Amino acid sequence: MSRTSALLLVALTGCASGHSDPPSNSEATADTHGEIVGAAELAEPALGLTSIDPEGRVFHLDLLDESTAKIGTVRAPEAMHSDGRYLFAADSAGVSIVDSGVWTWDHVDHFHYYRAEAKILGDVDGKGVATVASSNSSTTGGTGLFFPESGEAVLLDTVALSRGDVKELFRLKRQPGAGLVVPAGSLAAVASGGDVTLHTADGEQVGDSVGCVAPEGTITTRVGAVIGCDDGALLIHVEDEKPVIEQMPYPDDATARRATEFSNREGRPGVAALAGTDGIWMLDTRARSWTLIPAPEPLVQVTAVADADTNVLGLTPDGRVLVLDGDSGAVRAASAPLVGDSLAARLPVALIADQQRAYLNGPAEQRLWEIDFVDGARVAREFTTAHTPLHLAEAGR
């Protein structure tokens, strides 16, 4: 094994344990616990809600002092992805990147919190609205983009993003259509054309390909990176110091629709996904097992809190937030209808869970909500916005 390959495997090992050791040329070293030159370390997380309106204007609501600041303007987005620090706003011509300026460094047994200048970082050109995949670290590893019209698979240098630079590590040509580029430590999995391959940061393939028909949906947990496939999911992790792509098939007797969008409280091993109208898929990435639990009523979105009470949050078509038992699907609590107008207008609504609260945007309602899901789905705070919060991210987590 080459020295470069060995370093990549070390980085992937760190990812699987919940902490990615950054490359040696980064200011964000293991010794500095995710610190970036020019950033201030804080005593508590600087949580905020960063949103983008239909014109591309970006706003940040500070959840500590409830002040709102405009960060800048990007192209009008058709989709948005966030890793908890950066926002990746995608349209048919590429991806615009926003740095919210706040982030948390997860050191497994403790955390470090930082604040830096919020700003627009720049654009990555591509054809078609890209799918974006990120890890749980905003200062190490990479961020993956796949452009469906051109079939271009791009890995961005997240270390460079933390310095304010947009840098491509590789851009590979693949078959146009559905695809994903999923970071896993310092490696990246490229899912396209029925196969998944692992690549180093310079684009070199590592090992053999693994089949994955119709790749759709991805998430990174404490255990590794997940890619959804027609017959289940793949888990990319480390075993005996080597990267492994492991298959997690659906149960043999499964008839429910496949999972296409995974969601959870960031980094947790438990993941939730809609199974069409048949229920909710619960994926335990530690046990490599799927469980189908009944949905008490139709849902349009779910996310796993993966806490001690196995809470799962669901969003109904009329805009209510349900708190569900992740083992039985029973309703523990429900909010009043909050985002019914937005859902009726088919506007994007994000239901985001952290350890203590959930957050929800209502573009049509021009409101943001903070929900205490443990306390009867109580609306803890409601924010009226002067702009339309079309896309929402919880920043600083």
Protein backbone atom coordinates (compact mmCIF):
# COMPACT_ATOMS: atom_id res chain seq x y z
CA MET A 1 0.00 0.00 0.00
CA SER A 2 1.30 3.48 -0.89
CA ARG A 3 1.79 6.16 1.75
CA THR A 4 -0.98 8.23 0.12
CA SER A 5 -3.42 5.30 0.25
CA ALA A 6 -2.54 4.67 3.87
CA LEU A 7 -3.29 8.28 4.77
CA LEU A 8 -6.64 8.06 2.98
CA LEU A 9 -7.55 4.94 4.90
CA VAL A 10 -6.70 6.64 8.18
CA ALA A 11 -9.02 9.49 7.25
CA LEU A 12 -11.83 7.12 6.35
CA THR A 13 -11.32 5.27 9.63
CA GLY A 14 -11.81 8.57 11.43
CA CYS A 15 -15.06 9.13 9.57
CA ALA A 16 -16.41 5.75 10.56
CA SER A 17 -15.79 6.44 14.22
CA GLY A 18 -17.61 9.77 13.99
CA HIS A 19 -14.53 11.97 13.57
CA SER A 20 -12.64 12.63 10.37
CA ASP A 21 -8.96 13.43 10.85
CA PRO A 22 -8.17 16.25 8.41
CA PRO A 23 -5.36 16.26 5.89
CA SER A 24 -1.95 17.32 7.11
CA ASN A 25 -1.92 20.49 5.01
CA SER A 26 -5.02 21.96 6.67
CA GLU A 27 -5.18 24.57 9.40
CA ALA A 28 -8.00 22.40 10.81
CA THR A 29 -5.84 19.77 12.47
CA ALA A 30 -6.75 17.17 15.07
CA ASP A 31 -4.75 19.20 17.63
CA THR A 32 -6.77 22.37 16.99
CA HIS A 33 -10.12 20.55 17.02
CA GLY A 34 -11.54 22.05 13.83
CA GLU A 35 -10.28 25.58 14.41
CA ILE A 36 -9.73 27.70 11.31
CA VAL A 37 -7.41 30.71 11.25
CA GLY A 38 -9.47 33.85 11.83
CA ALA A 39 -12.36 32.05 13.54
CA ALA A 40 -13.37 32.67 17.15
CA GLU A 41 -13.99 29.70 19.44
CA LEU A 42 -17.21 30.01 21.43
CA ALA A 43 -18.47 28.58 24.70
CA GLU A 44 -21.73 27.37 23.12
CA PRO A 45 -22.95 26.69 19.59
CA ALA A 46 -23.87 29.79 17.59
CA LEU A 47 -27.05 28.26 16.21
CA GLY A 48 -28.96 30.08 13.52
CA LEU A 49 -31.42 29.63 10.68
CA THR A 50 -29.97 30.48 7.28
CA SER A 51 -32.50 30.84 4.49
CA ILE A 52 -32.56 31.69 0.79
CA ASP A 53 -35.49 33.45 -0.86
CA PRO A 54 -36.76 32.93 -4.44
CA GLU A 55 -34.52 35.74 -5.74
CA GLY A 56 -31.42 34.16 -4.21
CA ARG A 57 -31.03 36.56 -1.29
CA VAL A 58 -29.46 34.85 1.72
CA PHE A 59 -30.42 35.73 5.31
CA HIS A 60 -29.21 34.46 8.67
CA LEU A 61 -31.35 34.53 11.81
CA ASP A 62 -29.26 34.29 14.99
CA LEU A 63 -31.19 32.07 17.41
CA LEU A 64 -29.36 33.53 20.42
CA ASP A 65 -30.21 37.22 19.99
CA GLU A 66 -32.92 36.78 17.30
CA SER A 67 -31.28 39.31 14.99
CA THR A 68 -31.36 38.85 11.19
CA ALA A 69 -28.54 39.74 8.80
CA LYS A 70 -28.30 39.58 5.02
CA ILE A 71 -25.27 37.57 3.89
CA GLY A 72 -25.49 38.27 0.16
CA THR A 73 -27.15 37.05 -3.03
CA VAL A 74 -26.76 33.91 -5.15
CA ARG A 75 -28.53 32.76 -8.31
CA ALA A 76 -32.19 31.85 -7.78
CA PRO A 77 -32.03 28.30 -6.37
CA GLU A 78 -34.08 25.32 -7.49
CA ALA A 79 -32.77 23.08 -4.68
CA MET A 80 -30.57 23.47 -1.63
CA HIS A 81 -28.39 21.22 0.55
CA SER A 82 -26.59 22.06 3.78
CA ASP A 83 -24.05 20.34 6.02
CA GLY A 84 -24.79 22.62 8.99
CA ARG A 85 -22.30 25.30 7.94
CA TYR A 86 -22.36 25.67 4.15
CA LEU A 87 -25.41 26.06 1.95
CA PHE A 88 -25.17 24.65 -1.57
CA ALA A 89 -27.82 26.35 -3.73
CA ALA A 90 -28.33 24.50 -7.01
CA ASP A 91 -29.88 25.64 -10.27
CA SER A 92 -29.66 24.40 -13.85
CA ALA A 93 -26.32 26.18 -14.41
CA GLY A 94 -24.42 25.05 -11.32
CA VAL A 95 -24.12 25.36 -7.55
CA SER A 96 -23.62 28.53 -5.50
CA ILE A 97 -21.93 28.12 -2.12
CA VAL A 98 -22.71 30.13 1.02
CA ASP A 99 -20.68 30.01 4.23
CA SER A 100 -22.96 30.73 7.20
CA GLY A 101 -19.83 31.36 9.28
CA VAL A 102 -20.85 29.16 12.21
CA TRP A 103 -20.07 25.51 12.84
CA THR A 104 -19.53 22.75 15.40
CA TRP A 105 -16.53 20.42 15.50
CA ASP A 106 -17.64 16.97 16.67
CA HIS A 107 -14.83 15.31 18.62
CA VAL A 108 -17.04 12.31 19.55
CA ASP A 109 -16.89 12.80 23.33
CA HIS A 110 -17.05 16.60 23.25
CA PHE A 111 -17.62 19.50 20.88
CA HIS A 112 -15.97 22.77 19.85
CA TYR A 113 -17.93 25.74 18.52
CA TYR A 114 -16.74 28.43 16.11
CA ARG A 115 -17.80 31.63 14.41
CA ALA A 116 -16.19 33.34 11.40
CA GLU A 117 -17.32 35.79 8.75
CA ALA A 118 -20.43 34.75 6.84
CA LYS A 119 -20.05 35.20 3.08
CA ILE A 120 -20.81 33.99 -0.43
CA LEU A 121 -17.91 31.76 -1.51
CA GLY A 122 -18.57 31.35 -5.23
CA ASP A 123 -20.01 29.02 -7.87
CA VAL A 124 -19.32 25.61 -9.38
CA ASP A 125 -20.47 25.36 -12.99
CA GLY A 126 -22.42 22.35 -14.21
CA LYS A 127 -25.39 21.26 -16.30
CA GLY A 128 -28.59 20.28 -14.55
CA VAL A 129 -29.70 20.74 -10.94
CA ALA A 130 -26.98 18.94 -9.02
CA THR A 131 -27.39 16.48 -6.20
CA VAL A 132 -25.09 17.47 -3.32
CA ALA A 133 -23.70 15.22 -0.59
CA SER A 134 -21.55 16.21 2.38
CA SER A 135 -19.99 14.61 5.42
CA ASN A 136 -20.52 15.66 9.05
CA SER A 137 -17.38 17.83 9.01
CA SER A 138 -17.30 21.33 7.55
CA THR A 139 -13.52 21.71 7.83
CA THR A 140 -12.18 18.39 6.49
CA GLY A 141 -12.66 15.93 3.65
CA GLY A 142 -14.78 16.75 0.62
CA THR A 143 -18.23 17.67 -0.66
CA GLY A 144 -19.72 15.84 -3.64
CA LEU A 145 -21.71 17.25 -6.57
CA PHE A 146 -23.28 15.28 -9.42
CA PHE A 147 -24.66 17.14 -12.44
CA PRO A 148 -27.37 14.98 -14.09
CA GLU A 149 -27.44 16.56 -17.56
CA SER A 150 -23.69 16.22 -18.18
CA GLY A 151 -22.97 13.26 -15.90
CA GLU A 152 -20.08 15.14 -14.31
CA ALA A 153 -19.05 13.94 -10.85
CA VAL A 154 -17.26 16.64 -8.85
CA LEU A 155 -15.52 16.46 -5.48
CA LEU A 156 -14.88 19.80 -3.76
CA ASP A 157 -12.14 20.34 -1.19
CA THR A 158 -13.97 21.15 2.05
CA VAL A 159 -10.68 22.19 3.66
CA ALA A 160 -10.34 24.85 0.95
CA LEU A 161 -13.96 25.93 1.53
CA SER A 162 -13.10 26.53 5.18
CA ARG A 163 -10.42 28.97 3.94
CA GLY A 164 -12.88 30.68 1.61
CA ASP A 165 -11.72 28.99 -1.60
CA VAL A 166 -13.81 26.91 -4.01
CA LYS A 167 -11.46 24.15 -5.22
CA GLU A 168 -12.28 21.03 -7.21
CA LEU A 169 -10.34 17.91 -6.24
CA PHE A 170 -11.66 15.96 -9.22
CA ARG A 171 -14.23 16.18 -12.00
CA LEU A 172 -15.03 12.82 -13.57
CA LYS A 173 -17.20 12.13 -16.59
CA ARG A 174 -19.98 9.62 -16.01
CA GLN A 175 -23.22 8.63 -17.67
CA PRO A 176 -25.82 11.45 -17.63
CA GLY A 177 -28.81 10.81 -15.41
CA ALA A 178 -29.25 10.08 -11.73
CA GLY A 179 -26.05 9.99 -9.73
CA LEU A 180 -24.29 10.85 -6.50
CA VAL A 181 -20.82 11.79 -5.29
CA VAL A 182 -20.64 10.85 -1.61
CA PRO A 183 -17.65 11.82 0.54
CA ALA A 184 -16.29 9.20 2.93
CA GLY A 185 -13.31 10.53 4.83
CA SER A 186 -10.75 11.52 2.19
CA LEU A 187 -12.31 9.10 -0.31
CA ALA A 188 -15.45 9.65 -2.33
CA ALA A 189 -17.99 7.19 -3.71
CA VAL A 190 -19.36 7.89 -7.19
CA ALA A 191 -22.75 6.30 -7.87
CA SER A 192 -23.82 6.34 -11.52
CA GLY A 193 -24.87 4.00 -14.31
CA GLY A 194 -25.74 1.12 -11.98
CA ASP A 195 -22.40 1.02 -10.12
CA VAL A 196 -20.65 2.61 -7.16
CA THR A 197 -16.90 3.15 -7.22
CA LEU A 198 -14.53 4.54 -4.58
CA HIS A 199 -12.04 7.23 -5.57
CA THR A 200 -9.12 9.02 -3.98
CA ALA A 201 -9.03 12.81 -3.89
CA ASP A 202 -7.26 12.90 -7.27
CA GLY A 203 -9.97 10.75 -8.89
CA GLU A 204 -8.10 7.42 -8.91
CA GLN A 205 -10.38 4.43 -8.39
CA VAL A 206 -9.79 2.27 -5.32
CA GLY A 207 -10.97 -1.35 -5.45
CA ASP A 208 -13.77 -2.89 -7.50
CA SER A 209 -17.17 -1.42 -8.29
CA VAL A 210 -20.35 -2.52 -6.48
CA GLY A 211 -23.78 -2.63 -8.13
CA CYS A 212 -26.39 -0.03 -7.21
CA VAL A 213 -29.43 0.32 -9.46
CA ALA A 214 -31.11 3.76 -9.51
CA PRO A 215 -29.01 5.47 -6.81
CA GLU A 216 -31.04 8.04 -4.90
CA GLY A 217 -30.66 9.41 -1.40
CA THR A 218 -27.59 9.60 0.81
CA ILE A 219 -26.65 10.45 4.38
CA THR A 220 -23.60 10.16 6.62
CA THR A 221 -23.98 8.63 10.08
CA ARG A 222 -21.59 7.75 12.91
CA VAL A 223 -21.05 4.41 11.22
CA GLY A 224 -20.36 5.52 7.65
CA ALA A 225 -21.82 6.93 4.47
CA VAL A 226 -25.13 5.57 3.12
CA ILE A 227 -26.23 5.44 -0.52
CA GLY A 228 -29.79 4.41 -1.39
CA CYS A 229 -30.29 1.81 -4.13
CA ASP A 230 -33.30 0.08 -5.66
CA ASP A 231 -32.84 -3.04 -3.50
CA GLY A 232 -31.69 -1.39 -0.27
CA ALA A 233 -28.65 0.71 0.55
CA LEU A 234 -24.88 0.62 0.58
CA LEU A 235 -22.81 1.47 3.65
CA ILE A 236 -19.27 2.75 3.14
CA HIS A 237 -17.15 2.22 6.23
CA VAL A 238 -13.83 0.80 7.40
CA GLU A 239 -13.09 -2.78 8.33
CA ASP A 240 -9.60 -4.01 9.26
CA GLU A 241 -8.22 -0.63 8.17
CA LYS A 242 -9.62 -1.03 4.66
CA PRO A 243 -12.53 0.83 3.02
CA VAL A 244 -15.55 -1.43 2.56
CA ILE A 245 -18.76 -1.00 0.58
CA GLU A 246 -21.31 -3.16 2.38
CA GLN A 247 -24.78 -4.02 1.11
CA MET A 248 -27.83 -3.51 3.35
CA PRO A 249 -30.72 -5.13 1.45
CA TYR A 250 -34.36 -4.65 2.33
CA PRO A 251 -36.02 -7.55 4.18
CA ASP A 252 -36.84 -10.49 1.89
CA ASP A 253 -40.58 -10.02 2.39
CA ALA A 254 -40.56 -6.24 1.88
CA THR A 255 -43.24 -4.89 -0.45
CA ALA A 256 -43.14 -1.22 0.59
CA ARG A 257 -41.67 1.40 -1.68
CA ARG A 258 -37.94 2.01 -1.41
CA ALA A 259 -36.40 4.87 0.53
CA THR A 260 -35.27 7.79 -1.63
CA GLU A 261 -34.57 10.50 0.95
CA PHE A 262 -32.85 9.84 4.28
CA SER A 263 -32.98 12.19 7.26
CA ASN A 264 -31.89 12.22 10.88
CA ARG A 265 -30.36 14.31 13.62
CA GLU A 266 -26.90 14.92 12.25
CA GLY A 267 -24.45 12.07 12.71
CA ARG A 268 -26.73 9.69 14.57
CA PRO A 269 -26.74 6.00 13.50
CA GLY A 270 -30.52 5.79 13.13
CA VAL A 271 -32.11 7.10 9.92
CA ALA A 272 -35.71 7.57 8.80
CA ALA A 273 -37.17 7.59 5.29
CA LEU A 274 -40.66 7.50 3.83
CA ALA A 275 -41.76 4.17 2.38
CA GLY A 276 -44.26 5.74 0.01
CA THR A 277 -47.69 5.59 1.62
CA ASP A 278 -46.93 2.25 3.31
CA GLY A 279 -45.09 3.59 6.33
CA ILE A 280 -41.66 4.69 7.48
CA TRP A 281 -38.39 2.88 6.89
CA MET A 282 -36.09 2.94 9.91
CA LEU A 283 -32.48 2.13 9.03
CA ASP A 284 -30.10 1.17 11.84
CA THR A 285 -26.65 1.58 10.32
CA ARG A 286 -24.98 -0.09 13.30
CA ALA A 287 -27.09 -3.23 12.99
CA ARG A 288 -27.27 -2.96 9.16
CA SER A 289 -31.01 -3.55 9.44
CA TRP A 290 -34.24 -2.08 8.12
CA THR A 291 -37.53 -1.90 10.02
CA LEU A 292 -40.83 -0.80 8.50
CA ILE A 293 -43.09 0.95 11.00
CA PRO A 294 -46.66 2.05 10.19
CA ALA A 295 -47.41 5.70 9.57
CA PRO A 296 -50.44 6.83 11.58
CA GLU A 297 -51.60 8.97 8.63
CA PRO A 298 -50.16 10.18 5.31
CA LEU A 299 -46.83 11.97 5.69
CA VAL A 300 -44.76 14.08 3.30
CA GLN A 301 -41.53 14.10 5.29
CA VAL A 302 -39.89 12.28 8.20
CA THR A 303 -36.67 12.59 10.19
CA ALA A 304 -35.22 10.44 12.97
CA VAL A 305 -34.16 12.19 16.16
CA ALA A 306 -32.49 8.92 17.21
CA ASP A 307 -32.57 9.92 20.88
CA ALA A 308 -33.15 7.83 23.99
CA ASP A 309 -36.90 7.98 23.38
CA THR A 310 -36.56 6.86 19.71
CA ASN A 311 -38.49 9.92 18.55
CA VAL A 312 -39.27 10.32 14.86
CA LEU A 313 -40.72 13.56 13.50
CA GLY A 314 -43.22 13.57 10.66
CA LEU A 315 -44.84 16.31 8.60
CA THR A 316 -48.43 15.88 7.43
CA PRO A 317 -49.90 17.27 4.16
CA ASP A 318 -51.86 19.89 6.14
CA GLY A 319 -48.66 21.15 7.78
CA ARG A 320 -48.72 19.56 11.24
CA VAL A 321 -45.58 18.26 12.92
CA LEU A 322 -46.08 14.82 14.51
CA VAL A 323 -43.85 13.30 17.18
CA LEU A 324 -43.89 9.55 16.61
CA ASP A 325 -42.66 6.50 18.49
CA GLY A 326 -39.81 5.18 16.36
CA ASP A 327 -40.59 1.59 17.37
CA SER A 328 -44.36 1.50 16.84
CA GLY A 329 -45.23 4.58 14.80
CA ALA A 330 -47.70 5.73 17.45
CA VAL A 331 -48.36 9.46 17.74
CA ARG A 332 -46.90 10.98 20.90
CA ALA A 333 -47.73 14.61 20.13
CA ALA A 334 -48.85 16.87 17.31
CA SER A 335 -48.63 20.57 16.55
CA ALA A 336 -51.33 22.71 15.00
CA PRO A 337 -51.20 23.08 11.20
CA LEU A 338 -48.27 25.39 10.47
CA VAL A 339 -47.17 25.06 6.82
CA GLY A 340 -50.33 23.91 5.07
CA ASP A 341 -50.30 26.77 2.56
CA SER A 342 -46.68 26.11 1.60
CA LEU A 343 -47.30 22.41 1.09
CA ALA A 344 -50.46 23.06 -0.90
CA ALA A 345 -48.44 25.37 -3.16
CA ARG A 346 -45.73 22.68 -3.49
CA LEU A 347 -43.09 24.97 -2.02
CA PRO A 348 -40.04 23.40 -0.37
CA VAL A 349 -40.44 22.89 3.37
CA ALA A 350 -37.59 21.62 5.55
CA LEU A 351 -38.15 19.83 8.87
CA ILE A 352 -34.82 19.83 10.71
CA ALA A 353 -34.16 18.15 14.06
CA ASP A 354 -31.35 18.68 16.51
CA GLN A 355 -30.91 17.33 20.02
CA GLN A 356 -33.44 19.63 21.66
CA ARG A 357 -35.51 21.40 19.01
CA ALA A 358 -36.92 21.07 15.51
CA TYR A 359 -37.07 23.86 12.93
CA LEU A 360 -39.51 24.43 10.09
CA ASN A 361 -39.84 27.00 7.29
CA GLY A 362 -43.04 28.25 5.76
CA PRO A 363 -42.33 30.08 2.49
CA ALA A 364 -45.99 30.91 1.85
CA GLU A 365 -46.55 31.84 5.48
CA GLN A 366 -43.28 33.88 5.62
CA ARG A 367 -42.49 32.34 8.97
CA LEU A 368 -39.94 30.14 10.70
CA TRP A 369 -40.76 27.96 13.69
CA GLU A 370 -38.81 26.43 16.56
CA ILE A 371 -40.60 23.40 17.96
CA ASP A 372 -40.00 21.66 21.28
CA PHE A 373 -40.79 18.11 20.18
CA VAL A 374 -40.28 16.66 23.67
CA ASP A 375 -42.80 19.05 25.21
CA GLY A 376 -45.88 18.04 23.24
CA ALA A 377 -44.69 19.46 19.89
CA ARG A 378 -45.01 22.91 21.42
CA VAL A 379 -44.12 25.92 19.27
CA ALA A 380 -41.33 27.43 21.36
CA ARG A 381 -40.71 30.39 19.05
CA GLU A 382 -42.24 31.74 15.86
CA PHE A 383 -40.39 34.18 13.64
CA THR A 384 -42.08 36.38 11.04
CA THR A 385 -39.67 37.15 8.21
CA ALA A 386 -39.49 40.15 5.88
CA HIS A 387 -38.44 37.78 3.09
CA THR A 388 -39.76 34.46 1.76
CA PRO A 389 -37.70 31.66 3.39
CA LEU A 390 -37.84 29.30 0.41
CA HIS A 391 -34.91 27.10 1.48
CA LEU A 392 -33.80 26.59 5.08
CA ALA A 393 -30.75 25.26 6.92
CA GLU A 394 -29.96 25.09 10.61
CA ALA A 395 -26.44 26.52 10.82
CA GLY A 396 -23.88 26.11 13.58
CA ARG A 397 -24.74 22.54 14.48
